[in-house]
Amino acid sequence: MQVVVNSLLTHYEKVGKGKIVLLVHGWGDSQLTYESLQLFLAKDYSVVSLDLPGFGKSQAPNTVWELGDYSQFLHDFLNKITANDLYAAIGHSNGGALLINAVAHEQLKPSKLILLASAGIRDKDSARKFLIKVVAKTGKVVTFWLPRRYRRKLQELLYGAAGSDMLLEPHLQETFKRTVKYDIQND
């Protein structure tokens, strides 16, 4: 199904009957991640899953978003489809950080919050974070002279080796940077 929320064409699925369970995917993913879980839960619940803006079959925002923008979008989406009386919200990775933010700011009020490998707590002294910064800075300096397509391939290789998801959705790179800097411990 599709609905327009805040001027963005949004793809979602709603199956089953009963109390409402919301499924929120992680960065670079889509609602298809939850296909099996959605069918399983639909036996007892009304299950809503969506492609967040910029992912799957949903339209990308035309500005750089932060985690709070996605939280507000979730609130507006649920109001639009009249599914704001949530029994449970389940979020994976960045979807978990998004749900924590939305609950902390009272944009969502589920009875139960289930987090699966949730992102959002930022270790400021993380060795992985330092490695990604070093790779990014070194990659820019070393590759500035390369033609654009070769530079892009090398970036994909370097970011992939460092375990970064930044290049999964090239049109959302700035949004990714803002999202991964946000520490939900401050909410």
Foldseek 3Di string as FASTA:
>chain_A
DWDQFPNKIWDKDKAAADAEEEEEEDPLAFQVVCVVVCVVCNVHHTYMYIGQDLHDPIHHDPDQDELVVSLLRVLRVCVVVVNQAHQEYEYEALRLLSVLVNVVVVSHDHVYYHYHPYDAADDPPDPLVVQLVVLVVVLCVVPVPPPPVVSVVVVCVSCVVSVHCLVSRVVRNSNSVNHNVHHSVVD
